[in-house]
PDB file of N, CA and C in Angstrom:
ATOM      1  N   MET A   1     -17.783   9.782  -5.676  1.00  0.00           N
ATOM      2  CA  MET A   1     -17.132  10.891  -6.297  1.00  0.00           C
ATOM      3  C   MET A   1     -17.342  10.778  -7.798  1.00  0.00           C
ATOM      4  N   ALA A   2     -17.485  11.891  -8.408  1.00  0.00           N
ATOM      5  CA  ALA A   2     -17.571  11.944  -9.867  1.00  0.00           C
ATOM      6  C   ALA A   2     -16.813  13.172 -10.329  1.00  0.00           C
ATOM      7  N   PHE A   3     -16.227  13.058 -11.498  1.00  0.00           N
ATOM      8  CA  PHE A   3     -15.605  14.245 -12.064  1.00  0.00           C
ATOM      9  C   PHE A   3     -15.695  14.186 -13.574  1.00  0.00           C
ATOM     10  N   THR A   4     -15.639  15.339 -14.164  1.00  0.00           N
ATOM     11  CA  THR A   4     -15.590  15.452 -15.614  1.00  0.00           C
ATOM     12  C   THR A   4     -14.426  16.359 -15.975  1.00  0.00           C
ATOM     13  N   VAL A   5     -13.906  16.142 -17.153  1.00  0.00           N
ATOM     14  CA  VAL A   5     -12.854  17.011 -17.669  1.00  0.00           C
ATOM     15  C   VAL A   5     -13.475  17.806 -18.809  1.00  0.00           C
ATOM     16  N   GLU A   6     -13.424  19.114 -18.695  1.00  0.00           N
ATOM     17  CA  GLU A   6     -13.994  19.980 -19.717  1.00  0.00           C
ATOM     18  C   GLU A   6     -13.396  19.636 -21.076  1.00  0.00           C
ATOM     19  N   GLU A   7     -14.230  19.709 -22.091  1.00  0.00           N
ATOM     20  CA  GLU A   7     -13.852  19.252 -23.425  1.00  0.00           C
ATOM     21  C   GLU A   7     -12.525  19.834 -23.925  1.00  0.00           C
ATOM     22  N   ASP A   8     -12.278  21.102 -23.679  1.00  0.00           N
ATOM     23  CA  ASP A   8     -11.032  21.733 -24.145  1.00  0.00           C
ATOM     24  C   ASP A   8      -9.789  21.099 -23.525  1.00  0.00           C
ATOM     25  N   TYR A   9      -9.938  20.427 -22.392  1.00  0.00           N
ATOM     26  CA  TYR A   9      -8.801  19.845 -21.679  1.00  0.00           C
ATOM     27  C   TYR A   9      -8.726  18.325 -21.813  1.00  0.00           C
ATOM     28  N   GLN A  10      -9.679  17.733 -22.525  1.00  0.00           N
ATOM     29  CA  GLN A  10      -9.668  16.285 -22.701  1.00  0.00           C
ATOM     30  C   GLN A  10      -8.524  15.874 -23.614  1.00  0.00           C
ATOM     31  N   GLY A  11      -8.009  14.677 -23.378  1.00  0.00           N
ATOM     32  CA  GLY A  11      -6.935  14.151 -24.207  1.00  0.00           C
ATOM     33  C   GLY A  11      -5.557  14.666 -23.842  1.00  0.00           C
ATOM     34  N   LYS A  12      -5.444  15.337 -22.705  1.00  0.00           N
ATOM     35  CA  LYS A  12      -4.164  15.906 -22.279  1.00  0.00           C
ATOM     36  C   LYS A  12      -3.600  15.216 -21.041  1.00  0.00           C
ATOM     37  N   GLY A  13      -4.217  14.104 -20.653  1.00  0.00           N
ATOM     38  CA  GLY A  13      -3.705  13.343 -19.517  1.00  0.00           C
ATOM     39  C   GLY A  13      -4.199  13.801 -18.157  1.00  0.00           C
ATOM     40  N   LEU A  14      -5.123  14.743 -18.132  1.00  0.00           N
ATOM     41  CA  LEU A  14      -5.594  15.281 -16.855  1.00  0.00           C
ATOM     42  C   LEU A  14      -6.320  14.230 -16.015  1.00  0.00           C
ATOM     43  N   ALA A  15      -7.213  13.461 -16.623  1.00  0.00           N
ATOM     44  CA  ALA A  15      -7.955  12.439 -15.865  1.00  0.00           C
ATOM     45  C   ALA A  15      -7.002  11.400 -15.283  1.00  0.00           C
ATOM     46  N   GLY A  16      -6.024  10.982 -16.052  1.00  0.00           N
ATOM     47  CA  GLY A  16      -5.045  10.014 -15.555  1.00  0.00           C
ATOM     48  C   GLY A  16      -4.246  10.556 -14.389  1.00  0.00           C
ATOM     49  N   ARG A  17      -3.886  11.825 -14.469  1.00  0.00           N
ATOM     50  CA  ARG A  17      -3.132  12.437 -13.372  1.00  0.00           C
ATOM     51  C   ARG A  17      -3.996  12.567 -12.124  1.00  0.00           C
ATOM     52  N   LEU A  18      -5.270  12.925 -12.304  1.00  0.00           N
ATOM     53  CA  LEU A  18      -6.186  13.012 -11.162  1.00  0.00           C
ATOM     54  C   LEU A  18      -6.331  11.649 -10.486  1.00  0.00           C
ATOM     55  N   ILE A  19      -6.536  10.624 -11.286  1.00  0.00           N
ATOM     56  CA  ILE A  19      -6.694   9.285 -10.722  1.00  0.00           C
ATOM     57  C   ILE A  19      -5.405   8.842 -10.037  1.00  0.00           C
ATOM     58  N   GLY A  20      -4.268   9.119 -10.645  1.00  0.00           N
ATOM     59  CA  GLY A  20      -2.993   8.772 -10.024  1.00  0.00           C
ATOM     60  C   GLY A  20      -2.818   9.438  -8.671  1.00  0.00           C
ATOM     61  N   HIS A  21      -3.205  10.705  -8.591  1.00  0.00           N
ATOM     62  CA  HIS A  21      -3.111  11.430  -7.322  1.00  0.00           C
ATOM     63  C   HIS A  21      -4.063  10.824  -6.286  1.00  0.00           C
ATOM     64  N   LEU A  22      -5.275  10.497  -6.709  1.00  0.00           N
ATOM     65  CA  LEU A  22      -6.245   9.883  -5.796  1.00  0.00           C
ATOM     66  C   LEU A  22      -5.770   8.515  -5.317  1.00  0.00           C
ATOM     67  N   ILE A  23      -5.119   7.759  -6.186  1.00  0.00           N
ATOM     68  CA  ILE A  23      -4.580   6.455  -5.792  1.00  0.00           C
ATOM     69  C   ILE A  23      -3.530   6.632  -4.704  1.00  0.00           C
ATOM     70  N   GLY A  24      -2.660   7.620  -4.862  1.00  0.00           N
ATOM     71  CA  GLY A  24      -1.641   7.881  -3.844  1.00  0.00           C
ATOM     72  C   GLY A  24      -2.250   8.222  -2.496  1.00  0.00           C
ATOM     73  N   ILE A  25      -3.262   9.073  -2.501  1.00  0.00           N
ATOM     74  CA  ILE A  25      -3.945   9.447  -1.255  1.00  0.00           C
ATOM     75  C   ILE A  25      -4.641   8.230  -0.649  1.00  0.00           C
ATOM     76  N   ALA A  26      -5.323   7.459  -1.491  1.00  0.00           N
ATOM     77  CA  ALA A  26      -6.048   6.283  -1.004  1.00  0.00           C
ATOM     78  C   ALA A  26      -5.101   5.285  -0.343  1.00  0.00           C
ATOM     79  N   ARG A  27      -3.951   5.071  -0.946  1.00  0.00           N
ATOM     80  CA  ARG A  27      -2.982   4.141  -0.358  1.00  0.00           C
ATOM     81  C   ARG A  27      -2.518   4.633   1.009  1.00  0.00           C
ATOM     82  N   GLN A  28      -2.270   5.929   1.133  1.00  0.00           N
ATOM     83  CA  GLN A  28      -1.848   6.493   2.423  1.00  0.00           C
ATOM     84  C   GLN A  28      -2.912   6.275   3.491  1.00  0.00           C
ATOM     85  N   LEU A  29      -4.161   6.281   3.077  1.00  0.00           N
ATOM     86  CA  LEU A  29      -5.270   6.116   4.013  1.00  0.00           C
ATOM     87  C   LEU A  29      -5.673   4.653   4.208  1.00  0.00           C
ATOM     88  N   GLY A  30      -4.993   3.744   3.528  1.00  0.00           N
ATOM     89  CA  GLY A  30      -5.288   2.328   3.680  1.00  0.00           C
ATOM     90  C   GLY A  30      -6.516   1.854   2.924  1.00  0.00           C
ATOM     91  N   ILE A  31      -6.953   2.598   1.926  1.00  0.00           N
ATOM     92  CA  ILE A  31      -8.107   2.198   1.117  1.00  0.00           C
ATOM     93  C   ILE A  31      -7.672   1.079   0.178  1.00  0.00           C
ATOM     94  N   ALA A  32      -8.448   0.007   0.129  1.00  0.00           N
ATOM     95  CA  ALA A  32      -8.056  -1.197  -0.604  1.00  0.00           C
ATOM     96  C   ALA A  32      -8.468  -1.188  -2.069  1.00  0.00           C
ATOM     97  N   ARG A  33      -9.519  -0.447  -2.430  1.00  0.00           N
ATOM     98  CA  ARG A  33      -9.968  -0.492  -3.825  1.00  0.00           C
ATOM     99  C   ARG A  33     -10.733   0.772  -4.192  1.00  0.00           C
ATOM    100  N   PHE A  34     -10.776   1.014  -5.481  1.00  0.00           N
ATOM    101  CA  PHE A  34     -11.628   2.045  -6.067  1.00  0.00           C
ATOM    102  C   PHE A  34     -12.678   1.325  -6.896  1.00  0.00           C
ATOM    103  N   GLU A  35     -13.878   1.863  -6.904  1.00  0.00           N
ATOM    104  CA  GLU A  35     -14.923   1.364  -7.785  1.00  0.00           C
ATOM    105  C   GLU A  35     -15.421   2.530  -8.610  1.00  0.00           C
ATOM    106  N   ALA A  36     -15.707   2.256  -9.875  1.00  0.00           N
ATOM    107  CA  ALA A  36     -16.165   3.313 -10.775  1.00  0.00           C
ATOM    108  C   ALA A  36     -17.212   2.754 -11.723  1.00  0.00           C
ATOM    109  N   ASP A  37     -18.136   3.593 -12.106  1.00  0.00           N
ATOM    110  CA  ASP A  37     -19.102   3.278 -13.154  1.00  0.00           C
ATOM    111  C   ASP A  37     -18.815   4.221 -14.309  1.00  0.00           C
ATOM    112  N   VAL A  38     -18.552   3.642 -15.465  1.00  0.00           N
ATOM    113  CA  VAL A  38     -18.202   4.421 -16.648  1.00  0.00           C
ATOM    114  C   VAL A  38     -19.167   4.038 -17.760  1.00  0.00           C
ATOM    115  N   LEU A  39     -19.705   5.024 -18.450  1.00  0.00           N
ATOM    116  CA  LEU A  39     -20.559   4.718 -19.592  1.00  0.00           C
ATOM    117  C   LEU A  39     -19.745   3.932 -20.612  1.00  0.00           C
ATOM    118  N   SER A  40     -20.341   2.879 -21.165  1.00  0.00           N
ATOM    119  CA  SER A  40     -19.589   1.998 -22.061  1.00  0.00           C
ATOM    120  C   SER A  40     -19.072   2.724 -23.295  1.00  0.00           C
ATOM    121  N   GLY A  41     -19.706   3.796 -23.688  1.00  0.00           N
ATOM    122  CA  GLY A  41     -19.246   4.578 -24.834  1.00  0.00           C
ATOM    123  C   GLY A  41     -18.096   5.514 -24.524  1.00  0.00           C
ATOM    124  N   ASN A  42     -17.749   5.647 -23.257  1.00  0.00           N
ATOM    125  CA  ASN A  42     -16.672   6.553 -22.848  1.00  0.00           C
ATOM    126  C   ASN A  42     -15.341   5.792 -22.903  1.00  0.00           C
ATOM    127  N   THR A  43     -14.916   5.498 -24.120  1.00  0.00           N
ATOM    128  CA  THR A  43     -13.716   4.684 -24.307  1.00  0.00           C
ATOM    129  C   THR A  43     -12.460   5.374 -23.789  1.00  0.00           C
ATOM    130  N   ALA A  44     -12.430   6.687 -23.813  1.00  0.00           N
ATOM    131  CA  ALA A  44     -11.253   7.407 -23.304  1.00  0.00           C
ATOM    132  C   ALA A  44     -11.085   7.161 -21.808  1.00  0.00           C
ATOM    133  N   MET A  45     -12.177   7.217 -21.052  1.00  0.00           N
ATOM    134  CA  MET A  45     -12.080   7.008 -19.601  1.00  0.00           C
ATOM    135  C   MET A  45     -11.790   5.547 -19.285  1.00  0.00           C
ATOM    136  N   LEU A  46     -12.351   4.637 -20.051  1.00  0.00           N
ATOM    137  CA  LEU A  46     -12.035   3.222 -19.856  1.00  0.00           C
ATOM    138  C   LEU A  46     -10.544   2.978 -20.090  1.00  0.00           C
ATOM    139  N   ALA A  47      -9.974   3.658 -21.068  1.00  0.00           N
ATOM    140  CA  ALA A  47      -8.537   3.527 -21.344  1.00  0.00           C
ATOM    141  C   ALA A  47      -7.703   4.096 -20.205  1.00  0.00           C
ATOM    142  N   VAL A  48      -8.170   5.179 -19.580  1.00  0.00           N
ATOM    143  CA  VAL A  48      -7.449   5.758 -18.438  1.00  0.00           C
ATOM    144  C   VAL A  48      -7.336   4.722 -17.328  1.00  0.00           C
ATOM    145  N   PHE A  49      -8.425   4.053 -17.018  1.00  0.00           N
ATOM    146  CA  PHE A  49      -8.388   3.027 -15.972  1.00  0.00           C
ATOM    147  C   PHE A  49      -7.492   1.859 -16.390  1.00  0.00           C
ATOM    148  N   ALA A  50      -7.557   1.452 -17.647  1.00  0.00           N
ATOM    149  CA  ALA A  50      -6.725   0.342 -18.122  1.00  0.00           C
ATOM    150  C   ALA A  50      -5.240   0.681 -18.014  1.00  0.00           C
ATOM    151  N   ARG A  51      -4.878   1.929 -18.247  1.00  0.00           N
ATOM    152  CA  ARG A  51      -3.470   2.344 -18.170  1.00  0.00           C
ATOM    153  C   ARG A  51      -2.975   2.503 -16.737  1.00  0.00           C
ATOM    154  N   SER A  52      -3.842   2.381 -15.763  1.00  0.00           N
ATOM    155  CA  SER A  52      -3.426   2.558 -14.370  1.00  0.00           C
ATOM    156  C   SER A  52      -2.453   1.468 -13.919  1.00  0.00           C
ATOM    157  N   ALA A  53      -2.394   0.363 -14.642  1.00  0.00           N
ATOM    158  CA  ALA A  53      -1.517  -0.771 -14.328  1.00  0.00           C
ATOM    159  C   ALA A  53      -1.871  -1.439 -13.003  1.00  0.00           C
ATOM    160  N   LEU A  54      -3.058  -1.185 -12.491  1.00  0.00           N
ATOM    161  CA  LEU A  54      -3.534  -1.839 -11.271  1.00  0.00           C
ATOM    162  C   LEU A  54      -4.384  -3.048 -11.648  1.00  0.00           C
ATOM    163  N   PRO A  55      -4.436  -4.060 -10.780  1.00  0.00           N
ATOM    164  CA  PRO A  55      -5.353  -5.171 -11.030  1.00  0.00           C
ATOM    165  C   PRO A  55      -6.777  -4.622 -11.161  1.00  0.00           C
ATOM    166  N   MET A  56      -7.451  -4.990 -12.254  1.00  0.00           N
ATOM    167  CA  MET A  56      -8.752  -4.392 -12.547  1.00  0.00           C
ATOM    168  C   MET A  56      -9.751  -5.476 -12.928  1.00  0.00           C
ATOM    169  N   HIS A  57     -10.959  -5.324 -12.417  1.00  0.00           N
ATOM    170  CA  HIS A  57     -12.066  -6.198 -12.785  1.00  0.00           C
ATOM    171  C   HIS A  57     -13.125  -5.327 -13.442  1.00  0.00           C
ATOM    172  N   GLN A  58     -13.673  -5.811 -14.572  1.00  0.00           N
ATOM    173  CA  GLN A  58     -14.731  -5.080 -15.272  1.00  0.00           C
ATOM    174  C   GLN A  58     -15.970  -5.954 -15.381  1.00  0.00           C
ATOM    175  N   ARG A  59     -17.117  -5.323 -15.201  1.00  0.00           N
ATOM    176  CA  ARG A  59     -18.394  -6.019 -15.384  1.00  0.00           C
ATOM    177  C   ARG A  59     -19.317  -5.083 -16.142  1.00  0.00           C
ATOM    178  N   ARG A  60     -19.792  -5.545 -17.286  1.00  0.00           N
ATOM    179  CA  ARG A  60     -20.687  -4.725 -18.107  1.00  0.00           C
ATOM    180  C   ARG A  60     -22.135  -5.024 -17.739  1.00  0.00           C
ATOM    181  N   GLU A  61     -22.887  -3.955 -17.593  1.00  0.00           N
ATOM    182  CA  GLU A  61     -24.307  -4.087 -17.270  1.00  0.00           C
ATOM    183  C   GLU A  61     -25.042  -2.983 -18.014  1.00  0.00           C
ATOM    184  N   GLY A  62     -25.772  -3.380 -19.045  1.00  0.00           N
ATOM    185  CA  GLY A  62     -26.428  -2.375 -19.864  1.00  0.00           C
ATOM    186  C   GLY A  62     -25.389  -1.495 -20.537  1.00  0.00           C
ATOM    187  N   GLY A  63     -25.558  -0.200 -20.431  1.00  0.00           N
ATOM    188  CA  GLY A  63     -24.632   0.742 -21.036  1.00  0.00           C
ATOM    189  C   GLY A  63     -23.553   1.231 -20.101  1.00  0.00           C
ATOM    190  N   VAL A  64     -23.335   0.481 -19.005  1.00  0.00           N
ATOM    191  CA  VAL A  64     -22.366   0.911 -17.992  1.00  0.00           C
ATOM    192  C   VAL A  64     -21.330  -0.190 -17.767  1.00  0.00           C
ATOM    193  N   VAL A  65     -20.085   0.221 -17.578  1.00  0.00           N
ATOM    194  CA  VAL A  65     -19.019  -0.705 -17.200  1.00  0.00           C
ATOM    195  C   VAL A  65     -18.672  -0.415 -15.744  1.00  0.00           C
ATOM    196  N   HIS A  66     -18.857  -1.415 -14.887  1.00  0.00           N
ATOM    197  CA  HIS A  66     -18.498  -1.297 -13.474  1.00  0.00           C
ATOM    198  C   HIS A  66     -17.041  -1.739 -13.347  1.00  0.00           C
ATOM    199  N   ILE A  67     -16.201  -0.878 -12.821  1.00  0.00           N
ATOM    200  CA  ILE A  67     -14.769  -1.153 -12.706  1.00  0.00           C
ATOM    201  C   ILE A  67     -14.382  -1.180 -11.239  1.00  0.00           C
ATOM    202  N   THR A  68     -13.579  -2.177 -10.878  1.00  0.00           N
ATOM    203  CA  THR A  68     -12.976  -2.230  -9.550  1.00  0.00           C
ATOM    204  C   THR A  68     -11.466  -2.282  -9.735  1.00  0.00           C
ATOM    205  N   LEU A  69     -10.760  -1.326  -9.141  1.00  0.00           N
ATOM    206  CA  LEU A  69      -9.299  -1.299  -9.142  1.00  0.00           C
ATOM    207  C   LEU A  69      -8.819  -1.741  -7.771  1.00  0.00           C
ATOM    208  N   ALA A  70      -7.962  -2.752  -7.732  1.00  0.00           N
ATOM    209  CA  ALA A  70      -7.428  -3.259  -6.466  1.00  0.00           C
ATOM    210  C   ALA A  70      -6.175  -2.476  -6.101  1.00  0.00           C
ATOM    211  N   LEU A  71      -6.285  -1.612  -5.108  1.00  0.00           N
ATOM    212  CA  LEU A  71      -5.149  -0.798  -4.676  1.00  0.00           C
ATOM    213  C   LEU A  71      -4.227  -1.577  -3.756  1.00  0.00           C
ATOM    214  N   ALA A  72      -4.784  -2.365  -2.862  1.00  0.00           N
ATOM    215  CA  ALA A  72      -3.986  -3.078  -1.860  1.00  0.00           C
ATOM    216  C   ALA A  72      -3.068  -4.105  -2.509  1.00  0.00           C
ATOM    217  N   ASP A  73      -3.532  -4.775  -3.571  1.00  0.00           N
ATOM    218  CA  ASP A  73      -2.714  -5.787  -4.242  1.00  0.00           C
ATOM    219  C   ASP A  73      -1.495  -5.180  -4.919  1.00  0.00           C
ATOM    220  N   ALA A  74      -1.547  -3.877  -5.195  1.00  0.00           N
ATOM    221  CA  ALA A  74      -0.469  -3.232  -5.947  1.00  0.00           C
ATOM    222  C   ALA A  74       0.491  -2.473  -5.045  1.00  0.00           C
ATOM    223  N   LEU A  75       0.352  -2.612  -3.717  1.00  0.00           N
ATOM    224  CA  LEU A  75       1.240  -1.889  -2.801  1.00  0.00           C
ATOM    225  C   LEU A  75       2.637  -2.455  -2.838  1.00  0.00           C
TER     226      LEU A  75
END
């Protein structure tokens, strides 16, 4: 899955709310983790994941940050 937030709506918490909603659905379905690839320059999106308060692992590879959010550990 991939999504973008149109520039006029960035910085208003929309991405965080979308991710929060997806986390709720994933937990209901028994999904244990989310994985995401974020461009390293996209500091706003990296901050959204950091604010999720979920156990998170980051691995940088080139210009991409691979993120794993552990959903099951936070149930």
